[in-house]
């Protein structure tokens, strides 16, 4: 049985809970980490500090080094196609998006578009494996486990859009009228 530390880090996109063993991220999520529990079989998780290299990468990402998470080691269980899809997601440059169809092709199975979507949905280490960079073929956002507002905010951040330049903050609900 593997033992891992769990730490929650503040980000402009919501609290990011990271579960790590040594310098390897095993799971992460925005918001309530409770849903991760059932997906971490064989892992004993304790509240504590994660490796400073991981928390430093998150801080650098938030500060604008949008490639900082790429250097963080990740590990998650999955079959050959999911592993290939997750590896392909890490090749999507920050500030760009790929369609589910392109992800399937880059993962070696061009006809496995639904499986590519499933790999995104089963990704336990977002945003370290950036499934938020995968969109529908028509360019619409598709889904995201942490909500489309978070996906939109991550994509805007990676594209260099500063919060001050946006007409609306992507994570603040709009109540109508002029803000």
N, C-alpha and C. Protein backbone atom coordinates (compact mmCIF):
# COMPACT_ATOMS: atom_id res chain seq x y z
N UNK A 1 0.85 -1.18 0.00
CA UNK A 1 0.00 0.00 0.00
C UNK A 1 0.89 1.24 0.00
N UNK A 2 0.61 2.17 -0.90
CA UNK A 2 1.37 3.42 -1.01
C UNK A 2 0.76 4.47 -0.09
N UNK A 3 1.63 5.23 0.56
CA UNK A 3 1.18 6.35 1.38
C UNK A 3 1.49 7.64 0.63
N UNK A 4 0.54 8.57 0.68
CA UNK A 4 0.69 9.83 -0.03
C UNK A 4 0.25 10.99 0.85
N UNK A 5 0.80 12.15 0.57
CA UNK A 5 0.41 13.38 1.26
C UNK A 5 -0.64 14.11 0.43
N UNK A 6 -1.52 14.81 1.13
CA UNK A 6 -2.55 15.61 0.46
C UNK A 6 -2.43 17.04 0.99
N UNK A 7 -2.31 17.98 0.05
CA UNK A 7 -2.23 19.40 0.42
C UNK A 7 -3.14 20.19 -0.52
N UNK A 8 -3.80 21.19 0.03
CA UNK A 8 -4.66 22.06 -0.76
C UNK A 8 -3.98 23.40 -0.95
N UNK A 9 -3.86 23.79 -2.22
CA UNK A 9 -3.15 25.02 -2.58
C UNK A 9 -4.13 26.04 -3.16
N UNK A 10 -4.02 27.31 -2.77
CA UNK A 10 -4.91 28.33 -3.35
C UNK A 10 -4.48 28.67 -4.78
N UNK A 11 -5.46 28.82 -5.66
CA UNK A 11 -5.21 29.29 -7.02
C UNK A 11 -6.36 30.22 -7.41
N UNK A 12 -6.19 31.03 -8.43
CA UNK A 12 -7.31 31.87 -8.88
C UNK A 12 -8.44 31.05 -9.49
N UNK A 13 -8.20 29.78 -9.75
CA UNK A 13 -9.19 28.90 -10.39
C UNK A 13 -9.97 28.10 -9.37
N UNK A 14 -9.69 28.30 -8.11
CA UNK A 14 -10.27 27.54 -7.01
C UNK A 14 -9.17 26.79 -6.29
N UNK A 15 -9.50 26.26 -5.13
CA UNK A 15 -8.50 25.50 -4.38
C UNK A 15 -8.14 24.25 -5.15
N UNK A 16 -6.84 23.97 -5.23
CA UNK A 16 -6.34 22.79 -5.93
C UNK A 16 -5.77 21.84 -4.88
N UNK A 17 -6.43 20.69 -4.73
CA UNK A 17 -5.93 19.67 -3.82
C UNK A 17 -5.05 18.73 -4.61
N UNK A 18 -3.84 18.50 -4.10
CA UNK A 18 -2.87 17.65 -4.77
C UNK A 18 -2.51 16.50 -3.83
N UNK A 19 -2.58 15.28 -4.36
CA UNK A 19 -2.17 14.08 -3.64
C UNK A 19 -0.88 13.61 -4.31
N UNK A 20 0.18 13.48 -3.51
CA UNK A 20 1.47 13.12 -4.09
C UNK A 20 2.23 12.16 -3.18
N UNK A 21 3.00 11.32 -3.83
CA UNK A 21 3.95 10.46 -3.14
C UNK A 21 5.33 10.88 -3.60
N UNK A 22 6.11 11.42 -2.68
CA UNK A 22 7.40 11.97 -3.08
C UNK A 22 7.18 13.11 -4.06
N UNK A 23 7.85 13.05 -5.20
CA UNK A 23 7.74 14.11 -6.20
C UNK A 23 6.80 13.74 -7.35
N UNK A 24 5.94 12.76 -7.11
CA UNK A 24 5.01 12.30 -8.14
C UNK A 24 3.57 12.60 -7.74
N UNK A 25 2.85 13.31 -8.60
CA UNK A 25 1.43 13.59 -8.36
C UNK A 25 0.62 12.36 -8.75
N UNK A 26 -0.22 11.91 -7.82
CA UNK A 26 -1.07 10.75 -8.04
C UNK A 26 -2.52 11.14 -8.29
N UNK A 27 -2.91 12.32 -7.82
CA UNK A 27 -4.27 12.82 -8.02
C UNK A 27 -4.28 14.31 -7.70
N UNK A 28 -5.21 15.00 -8.31
CA UNK A 28 -5.40 16.42 -8.02
C UNK A 28 -6.79 16.82 -8.49
N UNK A 29 -7.34 17.84 -7.86
CA UNK A 29 -8.66 18.31 -8.28
C UNK A 29 -8.90 19.71 -7.76
N UNK A 30 -9.74 20.44 -8.48
CA UNK A 30 -10.20 21.74 -8.03
C UNK A 30 -11.47 21.52 -7.21
N UNK A 31 -11.61 22.29 -6.14
CA UNK A 31 -12.82 22.19 -5.32
C UNK A 31 -12.76 21.04 -4.34
N UNK A 32 -13.91 20.47 -4.05
CA UNK A 32 -14.05 19.43 -3.04
C UNK A 32 -13.31 18.16 -3.45
N UNK A 33 -12.29 17.76 -2.68
CA UNK A 33 -11.52 16.56 -3.04
C UNK A 33 -12.21 15.26 -2.65
N UNK A 34 -13.39 15.33 -2.05
CA UNK A 34 -14.08 14.13 -1.59
C UNK A 34 -14.31 13.10 -2.67
N UNK A 35 -14.59 13.55 -3.89
CA UNK A 35 -14.90 12.60 -4.97
C UNK A 35 -13.69 11.78 -5.38
N UNK A 36 -12.48 12.24 -5.03
CA UNK A 36 -11.28 11.48 -5.38
C UNK A 36 -11.17 10.19 -4.57
N UNK A 37 -11.72 10.19 -3.35
CA UNK A 37 -11.54 9.07 -2.44
C UNK A 37 -11.81 7.71 -3.04
N UNK A 38 -12.90 7.55 -3.74
CA UNK A 38 -13.25 6.27 -4.33
C UNK A 38 -12.40 5.89 -5.53
N UNK A 39 -11.59 6.80 -6.00
CA UNK A 39 -10.79 6.53 -7.20
C UNK A 39 -9.31 6.31 -6.87
N UNK A 40 -9.00 6.23 -5.58
CA UNK A 40 -7.61 6.07 -5.17
C UNK A 40 -7.41 4.75 -4.42
N UNK A 41 -7.89 3.67 -5.00
CA UNK A 41 -7.76 2.36 -4.38
C UNK A 41 -6.30 2.03 -4.11
N UNK A 42 -6.05 1.41 -2.96
CA UNK A 42 -4.70 0.97 -2.61
C UNK A 42 -3.79 2.09 -2.17
N UNK A 43 -4.34 3.24 -1.83
CA UNK A 43 -3.55 4.39 -1.47
C UNK A 43 -4.01 4.92 -0.11
N UNK A 44 -3.08 5.09 0.80
CA UNK A 44 -3.37 5.71 2.08
C UNK A 44 -2.99 7.18 1.97
N UNK A 45 -3.97 8.06 2.14
CA UNK A 45 -3.75 9.50 1.97
C UNK A 45 -3.85 10.18 3.33
N UNK A 46 -2.84 11.01 3.62
CA UNK A 46 -2.81 11.76 4.88
C UNK A 46 -2.60 13.23 4.57
N UNK A 47 -3.29 14.11 5.32
CA UNK A 47 -3.05 15.54 5.16
C UNK A 47 -1.61 15.83 5.52
N UNK A 48 -0.96 16.65 4.74
CA UNK A 48 0.43 17.00 4.99
C UNK A 48 0.98 17.80 3.83
N UNK A 49 2.25 18.04 3.86
CA UNK A 49 2.92 18.82 2.83
C UNK A 49 3.32 17.91 1.66
N UNK A 50 3.06 18.38 0.46
CA UNK A 50 3.55 17.69 -0.73
C UNK A 50 4.97 18.21 -1.01
N UNK A 51 5.67 17.58 -1.92
CA UNK A 51 7.03 18.01 -2.26
C UNK A 51 7.04 19.47 -2.68
N UNK A 52 8.06 20.19 -2.23
CA UNK A 52 8.14 21.62 -2.54
C UNK A 52 8.26 21.87 -4.04
N UNK A 53 8.81 20.93 -4.79
CA UNK A 53 8.92 21.12 -6.24
C UNK A 53 7.54 21.15 -6.88
N UNK A 54 6.60 20.38 -6.33
CA UNK A 54 5.23 20.37 -6.88
C UNK A 54 4.53 21.67 -6.54
N UNK A 55 4.57 22.08 -5.27
CA UNK A 55 3.89 23.32 -4.89
C UNK A 55 4.53 24.52 -5.58
N UNK A 56 5.85 24.48 -5.80
CA UNK A 56 6.52 25.57 -6.52
C UNK A 56 6.07 25.60 -7.99
N UNK A 57 5.86 24.45 -8.59
CA UNK A 57 5.38 24.41 -9.98
C UNK A 57 3.98 25.00 -10.09
N UNK A 58 3.12 24.69 -9.11
CA UNK A 58 1.77 25.26 -9.11
C UNK A 58 1.85 26.78 -8.96
N UNK A 59 2.69 27.25 -8.04
CA UNK A 59 2.84 28.69 -7.84
C UNK A 59 3.37 29.36 -9.11
N UNK A 60 4.33 28.74 -9.77
CA UNK A 60 4.88 29.30 -11.01
C UNK A 60 3.81 29.34 -12.11
N UNK A 61 3.00 28.29 -12.21
CA UNK A 61 1.91 28.24 -13.19
C UNK A 61 0.95 29.41 -12.95
N UNK A 62 0.54 29.57 -11.71
CA UNK A 62 -0.40 30.64 -11.35
C UNK A 62 0.21 32.01 -11.67
N UNK A 63 1.52 32.14 -11.46
CA UNK A 63 2.19 33.42 -11.69
C UNK A 63 2.42 33.71 -13.17
N UNK A 64 2.11 32.76 -14.05
CA UNK A 64 2.23 33.03 -15.48
C UNK A 64 3.16 32.12 -16.26
N UNK A 65 3.92 31.27 -15.58
CA UNK A 65 4.76 30.29 -16.27
C UNK A 65 3.87 29.09 -16.61
N UNK A 66 3.13 29.22 -17.69
CA UNK A 66 2.08 28.24 -18.00
C UNK A 66 2.61 26.87 -18.41
N UNK A 67 3.90 26.73 -18.57
CA UNK A 67 4.50 25.43 -18.84
C UNK A 67 5.07 24.77 -17.60
N UNK A 68 4.93 25.41 -16.45
CA UNK A 68 5.57 24.91 -15.22
C UNK A 68 5.08 23.54 -14.79
N UNK A 69 3.84 23.21 -15.07
CA UNK A 69 3.30 21.91 -14.62
C UNK A 69 3.81 20.75 -15.47
N UNK A 70 4.34 21.06 -16.66
CA UNK A 70 4.82 20.02 -17.56
C UNK A 70 5.96 19.20 -16.98
N UNK A 71 6.76 19.80 -16.12
CA UNK A 71 7.94 19.13 -15.57
C UNK A 71 7.59 18.24 -14.37
N UNK A 72 6.37 18.33 -13.87
CA UNK A 72 5.98 17.56 -12.70
C UNK A 72 5.68 16.12 -13.11
N UNK A 73 6.25 15.17 -12.40
CA UNK A 73 6.01 13.76 -12.65
C UNK A 73 4.60 13.40 -12.18
N UNK A 74 3.88 12.62 -12.98
CA UNK A 74 2.54 12.16 -12.64
C UNK A 74 2.45 10.66 -12.85
N UNK A 75 1.52 10.04 -12.11
CA UNK A 75 1.26 8.61 -12.31
C UNK A 75 -0.20 8.35 -12.00
N UNK A 76 -0.86 7.65 -12.92
CA UNK A 76 -2.24 7.22 -12.68
C UNK A 76 -2.47 5.92 -13.43
N UNK A 77 -3.33 5.11 -12.86
CA UNK A 77 -3.62 3.80 -13.45
C UNK A 77 -4.53 3.95 -14.65
N UNK A 78 -4.29 3.14 -15.66
CA UNK A 78 -5.13 3.15 -16.86
C UNK A 78 -4.54 2.23 -17.90
N UNK A 79 -5.38 1.79 -18.81
CA UNK A 79 -4.94 0.90 -19.87
C UNK A 79 -4.07 1.61 -20.89
N UNK A 80 -3.59 0.87 -21.88
CA UNK A 80 -2.66 1.42 -22.87
C UNK A 80 -3.18 2.66 -23.61
N UNK A 81 -4.46 2.65 -24.03
CA UNK A 81 -4.95 3.82 -24.75
C UNK A 81 -5.03 5.03 -23.84
N UNK A 82 -5.55 4.86 -22.62
CA UNK A 82 -5.62 6.01 -21.71
C UNK A 82 -4.23 6.56 -21.42
N UNK A 83 -3.26 5.67 -21.21
CA UNK A 83 -1.90 6.15 -20.95
C UNK A 83 -1.39 6.97 -22.15
N UNK A 84 -1.66 6.46 -23.36
CA UNK A 84 -1.23 7.18 -24.57
C UNK A 84 -1.96 8.53 -24.69
N UNK A 85 -3.24 8.55 -24.36
CA UNK A 85 -4.02 9.79 -24.43
C UNK A 85 -3.52 10.80 -23.40
N UNK A 86 -3.25 10.34 -22.18
CA UNK A 86 -2.75 11.26 -21.16
C UNK A 86 -1.38 11.81 -21.54
N UNK A 87 -0.55 10.97 -22.12
CA UNK A 87 0.76 11.43 -22.58
C UNK A 87 0.59 12.46 -23.71
N UNK A 88 -0.33 12.20 -24.61
CA UNK A 88 -0.60 13.13 -25.71
C UNK A 88 -1.12 14.46 -25.17
N UNK A 89 -1.98 14.43 -24.14
CA UNK A 89 -2.49 15.68 -23.56
C UNK A 89 -1.34 16.55 -23.05
N UNK A 90 -0.32 15.92 -22.50
CA UNK A 90 0.81 16.68 -21.97
C UNK A 90 1.63 17.31 -23.11
N UNK A 91 1.39 16.88 -24.34
CA UNK A 91 2.09 17.46 -25.49
C UNK A 91 1.34 18.65 -26.08
N UNK A 92 0.12 18.91 -25.62
CA UNK A 92 -0.64 20.07 -26.12
C UNK A 92 0.01 21.32 -25.54
N UNK A 93 0.50 22.21 -26.38
CA UNK A 93 1.16 23.41 -25.85
C UNK A 93 0.17 24.31 -25.09
N UNK A 94 0.61 24.90 -23.98
CA UNK A 94 -0.25 25.86 -23.29
C UNK A 94 -0.70 26.95 -24.26
N UNK A 95 -1.94 27.36 -24.13
CA UNK A 95 -2.48 28.38 -25.02
C UNK A 95 -3.11 27.82 -26.27
N UNK A 96 -3.01 26.50 -26.47
CA UNK A 96 -3.62 25.85 -27.63
C UNK A 96 -4.62 24.80 -27.16
N UNK A 97 -5.49 24.41 -28.07
CA UNK A 97 -6.43 23.32 -27.79
C UNK A 97 -6.38 22.32 -28.93
N UNK A 98 -6.75 21.09 -28.60
CA UNK A 98 -6.92 20.04 -29.59
C UNK A 98 -8.34 19.53 -29.47
N UNK A 99 -8.88 19.03 -30.57
CA UNK A 99 -10.18 18.39 -30.53
C UNK A 99 -10.01 16.97 -29.96
N UNK A 100 -11.13 16.40 -29.53
CA UNK A 100 -11.10 15.00 -29.08
C UNK A 100 -10.62 14.10 -30.22
N UNK A 101 -10.99 14.43 -31.45
CA UNK A 101 -10.56 13.65 -32.61
C UNK A 101 -9.04 13.72 -32.78
N UNK A 102 -8.48 14.91 -32.62
CA UNK A 102 -7.03 15.01 -32.74
C UNK A 102 -6.34 14.27 -31.60
N UNK A 103 -6.89 14.37 -30.40
CA UNK A 103 -6.31 13.64 -29.27
C UNK A 103 -6.30 12.15 -29.56
N UNK A 104 -7.40 11.61 -30.10
CA UNK A 104 -7.46 10.18 -30.43
C UNK A 104 -6.37 9.84 -31.44
N UNK A 105 -6.20 10.67 -32.45
CA UNK A 105 -5.18 10.42 -33.47
C UNK A 105 -3.78 10.49 -32.87
N UNK A 106 -3.51 11.49 -32.06
CA UNK A 106 -2.20 11.65 -31.44
C UNK A 106 -1.89 10.50 -30.48
N UNK A 107 -2.95 9.89 -29.92
CA UNK A 107 -2.78 8.75 -29.02
C UNK A 107 -2.65 7.43 -29.79
N UNK A 108 -2.73 7.52 -31.12
CA UNK A 108 -2.48 6.34 -31.94
C UNK A 108 -3.71 5.60 -32.42
N UNK A 109 -4.91 6.10 -32.10
CA UNK A 109 -6.14 5.44 -32.54
C UNK A 109 -7.13 6.48 -33.04
N UNK A 110 -6.99 6.92 -34.28
CA UNK A 110 -7.83 8.00 -34.81
C UNK A 110 -9.34 7.77 -34.70
N UNK A 111 -9.77 6.53 -34.69
CA UNK A 111 -11.21 6.28 -34.62
C UNK A 111 -11.72 6.21 -33.18
N UNK A 112 -10.86 6.35 -32.21
CA UNK A 112 -11.24 6.21 -30.80
C UNK A 112 -11.59 7.55 -30.16
N UNK A 113 -12.45 8.32 -30.82
CA UNK A 113 -12.80 9.65 -30.33
C UNK A 113 -13.53 9.57 -28.99
N UNK A 114 -14.45 8.64 -28.86
CA UNK A 114 -15.16 8.50 -27.57
C UNK A 114 -14.21 8.07 -26.46
N UNK A 115 -13.28 7.20 -26.78
CA UNK A 115 -12.29 6.77 -25.79
C UNK A 115 -11.40 7.94 -25.38
N UNK A 116 -11.13 8.86 -26.31
CA UNK A 116 -10.36 10.05 -25.98
C UNK A 116 -11.13 10.91 -24.97
N UNK A 117 -12.42 11.04 -25.20
CA UNK A 117 -13.27 11.76 -24.24
C UNK A 117 -13.28 11.09 -22.89
N UNK A 118 -13.32 9.76 -22.89
CA UNK A 118 -13.29 9.01 -21.64
C UNK A 118 -11.97 9.20 -20.91
N UNK A 119 -10.86 9.26 -21.66
CA UNK A 119 -9.56 9.50 -21.03
C UNK A 119 -9.54 10.87 -20.34
N UNK A 120 -10.17 11.85 -20.96
CA UNK A 120 -10.27 13.17 -20.32
C UNK A 120 -11.09 13.07 -19.04
N UNK A 121 -12.22 12.39 -19.12
CA UNK A 121 -13.11 12.27 -17.96
C UNK A 121 -12.49 11.48 -16.83
N UNK A 122 -11.61 10.54 -17.13
CA UNK A 122 -10.98 9.68 -16.12
C UNK A 122 -9.63 10.21 -15.64
N UNK A 123 -9.22 11.36 -16.12
CA UNK A 123 -7.94 11.95 -15.75
C UNK A 123 -7.98 12.38 -14.29
N UNK A 124 -7.15 11.76 -13.46
CA UNK A 124 -7.11 12.08 -12.04
C UNK A 124 -6.10 13.18 -11.69
N UNK A 125 -5.34 13.64 -12.65
CA UNK A 125 -4.26 14.57 -12.31
C UNK A 125 -4.35 15.90 -13.09
N UNK A 126 -5.57 16.39 -13.26
CA UNK A 126 -5.75 17.71 -13.86
C UNK A 126 -5.32 18.75 -12.83
N UNK A 127 -4.69 19.81 -13.19
CA UNK A 127 -4.31 20.27 -14.51
C UNK A 127 -2.91 19.82 -14.95
N UNK A 128 -2.26 18.93 -14.18
CA UNK A 128 -0.92 18.46 -14.55
C UNK A 128 -0.96 17.70 -15.88
N UNK A 129 -2.00 16.92 -16.09
CA UNK A 129 -2.32 16.38 -17.41
C UNK A 129 -3.48 17.24 -17.88
N UNK A 130 -3.23 18.14 -18.83
CA UNK A 130 -4.16 19.23 -19.14
C UNK A 130 -5.35 18.84 -20.02
N UNK A 131 -6.26 18.07 -19.47
CA UNK A 131 -7.46 17.71 -20.23
C UNK A 131 -8.32 18.92 -20.55
N UNK A 132 -8.11 20.03 -19.83
CA UNK A 132 -8.87 21.25 -20.13
C UNK A 132 -8.53 21.81 -21.50
N UNK A 133 -7.42 21.36 -22.11
CA UNK A 133 -7.02 21.83 -23.44
C UNK A 133 -7.68 21.04 -24.56
N UNK A 134 -8.56 20.11 -24.22
CA UNK A 134 -9.24 19.30 -25.23
C UNK A 134 -10.68 19.81 -25.36
N UNK A 135 -11.07 20.10 -26.60
CA UNK A 135 -12.39 20.67 -26.89
C UNK A 135 -13.08 19.87 -27.99
N UNK A 136 -14.31 20.20 -28.24
CA UNK A 136 -15.05 19.53 -29.32
C UNK A 136 -14.52 19.97 -30.68
N UNK A 137 -14.81 19.20 -31.70
CA UNK A 137 -14.34 19.51 -33.06
C UNK A 137 -14.84 20.85 -33.57
N UNK A 138 -16.00 21.30 -33.08
CA UNK A 138 -16.53 22.60 -33.51
C UNK A 138 -15.95 23.77 -32.72
N UNK A 139 -15.02 23.46 -31.80
CA UNK A 139 -14.37 24.49 -31.02
C UNK A 139 -15.05 24.81 -29.70
N UNK A 140 -16.26 24.27 -29.48
CA UNK A 140 -16.93 24.51 -28.20
C UNK A 140 -16.21 23.74 -27.10
N UNK A 141 -16.39 24.17 -25.88
CA UNK A 141 -15.60 23.65 -24.78
C UNK A 141 -15.82 22.18 -24.44
N UNK A 142 -16.99 21.66 -24.68
CA UNK A 142 -17.25 20.28 -24.25
C UNK A 142 -17.49 20.28 -22.75
N UNK A 143 -16.95 19.30 -22.05
CA UNK A 143 -17.16 19.22 -20.61
C UNK A 143 -15.86 19.43 -19.85
N UNK A 144 -16.00 19.50 -18.52
CA UNK A 144 -14.85 19.57 -17.63
C UNK A 144 -15.37 19.22 -16.24
N UNK A 145 -14.69 18.32 -15.57
CA UNK A 145 -15.15 17.82 -14.27
C UNK A 145 -15.34 18.95 -13.25
N UNK A 146 -14.59 20.02 -13.38
CA UNK A 146 -14.65 21.10 -12.39
C UNK A 146 -15.46 22.29 -12.87
N UNK A 147 -16.17 22.11 -13.98
CA UNK A 147 -17.05 23.14 -14.50
C UNK A 147 -16.42 23.91 -15.65
N UNK A 148 -17.28 24.36 -16.53
CA UNK A 148 -16.80 25.09 -17.71
C UNK A 148 -16.19 26.44 -17.36
N UNK A 149 -16.60 27.04 -16.24
CA UNK A 149 -15.98 28.31 -15.84
C UNK A 149 -14.51 28.11 -15.52
N UNK A 150 -14.19 27.00 -14.84
CA UNK A 150 -12.79 26.72 -14.52
C UNK A 150 -12.02 26.41 -15.80
N UNK A 151 -12.60 25.62 -16.69
CA UNK A 151 -11.94 25.31 -17.97
C UNK A 151 -11.66 26.59 -18.74
N UNK A 152 -12.66 27.46 -18.83
CA UNK A 152 -12.52 28.73 -19.54
C UNK A 152 -11.42 29.58 -18.90
N UNK A 153 -11.37 29.62 -17.58
CA UNK A 153 -10.37 30.42 -16.88
C UNK A 153 -8.96 29.87 -17.11
N UNK A 154 -8.80 28.55 -17.07
CA UNK A 154 -7.49 27.94 -17.33
C UNK A 154 -7.03 28.26 -18.75
N UNK A 155 -7.92 28.12 -19.72
CA UNK A 155 -7.56 28.40 -21.11
C UNK A 155 -7.21 29.87 -21.31
N UNK A 156 -7.96 30.75 -20.67
CA UNK A 156 -7.67 32.18 -20.77
C UNK A 156 -6.30 32.49 -20.15
N UNK A 157 -6.05 31.92 -18.99
CA UNK A 157 -4.76 32.12 -18.31
C UNK A 157 -3.61 31.66 -19.19
N UNK A 158 -3.75 30.50 -19.79
CA UNK A 158 -2.69 29.95 -20.63
C UNK A 158 -2.52 30.72 -21.94
N UNK A 159 -3.54 31.44 -22.34
CA UNK A 159 -3.47 32.25 -23.56
C UNK A 159 -2.91 33.64 -23.29
N UNK A 160 -2.60 33.91 -22.03
CA UNK A 160 -2.02 35.19 -21.68
C UNK A 160 -3.02 36.28 -21.40
N UNK A 161 -4.30 35.94 -21.29
CA UNK A 161 -5.32 36.93 -20.99
C UNK A 161 -5.26 37.22 -19.49
N UNK A 162 -5.05 38.47 -19.15
CA UNK A 162 -5.02 38.86 -17.74
C UNK A 162 -6.44 39.14 -17.28
N UNK A 163 -6.72 38.83 -16.01
CA UNK A 163 -8.07 39.03 -15.47
C UNK A 163 -8.54 40.45 -15.70
N UNK A 164 -7.63 41.42 -15.54
CA UNK A 164 -8.01 42.82 -15.66
C UNK A 164 -8.45 43.18 -17.08
N UNK A 165 -8.03 42.41 -18.09
CA UNK A 165 -8.37 42.72 -19.47
C UNK A 165 -9.68 42.05 -19.92
N UNK A 166 -10.20 41.18 -19.08
CA UNK A 166 -11.43 40.48 -19.47
C UNK A 166 -12.64 41.32 -19.08
N UNK A 167 -13.68 41.26 -19.90
CA UNK A 167 -14.89 42.01 -19.61
C UNK A 167 -15.57 41.46 -18.36
N UNK A 168 -15.48 40.14 -18.16
CA UNK A 168 -16.02 39.51 -16.96
C UNK A 168 -14.97 38.55 -16.42
N UNK A 169 -14.92 38.42 -15.12
CA UNK A 169 -14.01 37.45 -14.50
C UNK A 169 -14.60 36.08 -14.76
N UNK A 170 -13.83 35.14 -15.31
CA UNK A 170 -14.39 33.85 -15.70
C UNK A 170 -14.91 33.01 -14.54
N UNK A 171 -14.52 33.32 -13.31
CA UNK A 171 -14.96 32.50 -12.18
C UNK A 171 -15.97 33.20 -11.29
N UNK A 172 -16.38 34.41 -11.64
CA UNK A 172 -17.37 35.11 -10.83
C UNK A 172 -18.71 35.09 -11.55
N UNK A 173 -19.74 34.59 -10.89
CA UNK A 173 -21.06 34.58 -11.55
C UNK A 173 -21.49 36.00 -11.89
N UNK A 174 -22.07 36.14 -13.04
CA UNK A 174 -22.55 37.45 -13.48
C UNK A 174 -24.02 37.57 -13.13
N UNK A 175 -24.42 38.72 -12.60
CA UNK A 175 -25.80 38.89 -12.17
C UNK A 175 -26.58 39.78 -13.11
N UNK A 176 -26.01 40.10 -14.25
CA UNK A 176 -26.71 40.96 -15.21
C UNK A 176 -26.29 42.41 -15.01
N UNK A 177 -26.66 43.23 -15.91
CA UNK A 177 -26.27 44.63 -15.83
C UNK A 177 -24.83 44.84 -16.23
N UNK A 178 -24.37 46.03 -16.06
CA UNK A 178 -23.00 46.36 -16.44
C UNK A 178 -22.15 46.30 -15.18
N UNK A 179 -21.02 45.57 -15.28
CA UNK A 179 -20.15 45.35 -14.10
C UNK A 179 -19.14 46.37 -14.01
